[in-house]
Amino acid sequence: MEPADLLITQCRTYLNWNKCRLSVIAHLVLSLLQKQTVNFTHLATTFPGKSQTASCYRRIQRFFLEVVFEDAVTARIIAGLIAP
């Protein structure tokens, strides 16, 4: 199983999002770990598939425009990822 699939499965237990949004958040987390930057242009280069970097960049932008992170949910996700 791919690392992105594992993150999607984990996030699905906390978030009632569609598969596309879960995929974006999983790939963002993996990109952040790989690139060690929050620059969208750099993160977009690590997204899988045949999409152009500009398309992935726009996908990241739309994600942050449309998604609202609730503090309580974010805390539960983080605790679930680091707690045994």
C-alpha atoms as a PDB file:
ATOM      1  CA  MET A   1       0.000   0.000   0.000  1.00  0.00           C
ATOM      2  CA  GLU A   2       1.289   3.460  -0.930  1.00  0.00           C
ATOM      3  CA  PRO A   3       2.042   6.040   1.796  1.00  0.00           C
ATOM      4  CA  ALA A   4      -0.626   8.362   0.369  1.00  0.00           C
ATOM      5  CA  ASP A   5      -3.206   5.568   0.633  1.00  0.00           C
ATOM      6  CA  LEU A   6      -2.297   5.024   4.285  1.00  0.00           C
ATOM      7  CA  LEU A   7      -2.729   8.736   5.024  1.00  0.00           C
ATOM      8  CA  ILE A   8      -6.044   8.813   3.169  1.00  0.00           C
ATOM      9  CA  THR A   9      -7.299   5.888   5.235  1.00  0.00           C
ATOM     10  CA  GLN A  10      -6.187   7.560   8.465  1.00  0.00           C
ATOM     11  CA  CYS A  11      -7.713  10.928   7.578  1.00  0.00           C
ATOM     12  CA  ARG A  12     -10.973   9.347   6.432  1.00  0.00           C
ATOM     13  CA  THR A  13     -11.685   8.302  10.035  1.00  0.00           C
ATOM     14  CA  TYR A  14     -11.632  11.952  11.131  1.00  0.00           C
ATOM     15  CA  LEU A  15     -12.773  13.887   8.081  1.00  0.00           C
ATOM     16  CA  ASN A  16     -15.992  13.593   6.148  1.00  0.00           C
ATOM     17  CA  TRP A  17     -14.347  14.694   2.888  1.00  0.00           C
ATOM     18  CA  ASN A  18     -14.569  13.264  -0.606  1.00  0.00           C
ATOM     19  CA  LYS A  19     -11.750  11.167  -2.041  1.00  0.00           C
ATOM     20  CA  CYS A  20     -10.279  14.051  -4.055  1.00  0.00           C
ATOM     21  CA  ARG A  21      -9.804  16.281  -1.014  1.00  0.00           C
ATOM     22  CA  LEU A  22      -8.389  13.425   1.025  1.00  0.00           C
ATOM     23  CA  SER A  23      -5.961  12.727  -1.793  1.00  0.00           C
ATOM     24  CA  VAL A  24      -4.800  16.346  -1.903  1.00  0.00           C
ATOM     25  CA  ILE A  25      -4.192  16.516   1.856  1.00  0.00           C
ATOM     26  CA  ALA A  26      -2.290  13.220   1.789  1.00  0.00           C
ATOM     27  CA  HIS A  27      -0.082  14.343  -1.082  1.00  0.00           C
ATOM     28  CA  LEU A  28       0.469  17.718   0.580  1.00  0.00           C
ATOM     29  CA  VAL A  29       1.685  16.070   3.769  1.00  0.00           C
ATOM     30  CA  LEU A  30       4.045  13.813   1.833  1.00  0.00           C
ATOM     31  CA  SER A  31       5.253  16.755  -0.262  1.00  0.00           C
ATOM     32  CA  LEU A  32       5.920  18.837   2.849  1.00  0.00           C
ATOM     33  CA  LEU A  33       8.028  16.038   4.283  1.00  0.00           C
ATOM     34  CA  GLN A  34       9.937  15.572   1.047  1.00  0.00           C
ATOM     35  CA  LYS A  35      10.528  19.214   0.044  1.00  0.00           C
ATOM     36  CA  GLN A  36      10.646  20.723   3.552  1.00  0.00           C
ATOM     37  CA  THR A  37       9.010  23.925   2.332  1.00  0.00           C
ATOM     38  CA  VAL A  38       5.528  25.404   2.183  1.00  0.00           C
ATOM     39  CA  ASN A  39       6.077  26.961  -1.243  1.00  0.00           C
ATOM     40  CA  PHE A  40       3.198  25.731  -3.416  1.00  0.00           C
ATOM     41  CA  THR A  41       5.353  25.752  -6.554  1.00  0.00           C
ATOM     42  CA  HIS A  42       7.846  23.354  -5.009  1.00  0.00           C
ATOM     43  CA  LEU A  43       5.135  21.150  -3.510  1.00  0.00           C
ATOM     44  CA  ALA A  44       3.314  20.897  -6.841  1.00  0.00           C
ATOM     45  CA  THR A  45       6.352  19.249  -8.445  1.00  0.00           C
ATOM     46  CA  THR A  46       5.998  16.193  -6.196  1.00  0.00           C
ATOM     47  CA  PHE A  47       2.344  15.405  -6.937  1.00  0.00           C
ATOM     48  CA  PRO A  48       2.006  12.056  -8.746  1.00  0.00           C
ATOM     49  CA  GLY A  49       0.532  11.541 -12.166  1.00  0.00           C
ATOM     50  CA  LYS A  50       0.894  13.115 -15.557  1.00  0.00           C
ATOM     51  CA  SER A  51      -0.567  16.497 -14.619  1.00  0.00           C
ATOM     52  CA  GLN A  52       1.493  19.573 -15.308  1.00  0.00           C
ATOM     53  CA  THR A  53       3.077  21.356 -12.369  1.00  0.00           C
ATOM     54  CA  ALA A  54       0.867  24.398 -13.029  1.00  0.00           C
ATOM     55  CA  SER A  55      -2.245  22.211 -12.737  1.00  0.00           C
ATOM     56  CA  CYS A  56      -1.066  20.754  -9.432  1.00  0.00           C
ATOM     57  CA  TYR A  57      -0.214  24.251  -8.193  1.00  0.00           C
ATOM     58  CA  ARG A  58      -3.746  25.409  -8.977  1.00  0.00           C
ATOM     59  CA  ARG A  59      -5.153  22.289  -7.281  1.00  0.00           C
ATOM     60  CA  ILE A  60      -3.296  23.196  -4.085  1.00  0.00           C
ATOM     61  CA  GLN A  61      -4.583  26.772  -4.287  1.00  0.00           C
ATOM     62  CA  ARG A  62      -8.184  25.628  -4.727  1.00  0.00           C
ATOM     63  CA  PHE A  63      -7.815  23.203  -1.829  1.00  0.00           C
ATOM     64  CA  PHE A  64      -6.857  25.972   0.588  1.00  0.00           C
ATOM     65  CA  LEU A  65      -9.521  28.314  -0.774  1.00  0.00           C
ATOM     66  CA  GLU A  66     -12.307  25.779  -0.264  1.00  0.00           C
ATOM     67  CA  VAL A  67     -11.318  23.815   2.836  1.00  0.00           C
ATOM     68  CA  VAL A  68     -11.755  25.070   6.390  1.00  0.00           C
ATOM     69  CA  PHE A  69      -9.764  23.312   9.081  1.00  0.00           C
ATOM     70  CA  GLU A  70     -11.524  23.068  12.414  1.00  0.00           C
ATOM     71  CA  ASP A  71      -9.176  23.191  15.399  1.00  0.00           C
ATOM     72  CA  ALA A  72     -10.780  20.271  17.231  1.00  0.00           C
ATOM     73  CA  VAL A  73     -10.666  18.001  14.190  1.00  0.00           C
ATOM     74  CA  THR A  74      -7.071  18.975  13.420  1.00  0.00           C
ATOM     75  CA  ALA A  75      -6.051  18.187  16.993  1.00  0.00           C
ATOM     76  CA  ARG A  76      -7.732  14.751  16.821  1.00  0.00           C
ATOM     77  CA  ILE A  77      -5.953  13.934  13.563  1.00  0.00           C
ATOM     78  CA  ILE A  78      -2.545  14.899  14.950  1.00  0.00           C
ATOM     79  CA  ALA A  79      -3.153  12.994  18.162  1.00  0.00           C
ATOM     80  CA  GLY A  80      -4.313   9.961  16.194  1.00  0.00           C
ATOM     81  CA  LEU A  81      -1.190   9.997  14.036  1.00  0.00           C
ATOM     82  CA  ILE A  82       1.306  10.282  16.900  1.00  0.00           C
ATOM     83  CA  ALA A  83      -0.475   8.382  19.662  1.00  0.00           C
ATOM     84  CA  PRO A  84       0.145   4.632  19.914  1.00  0.00           C
END
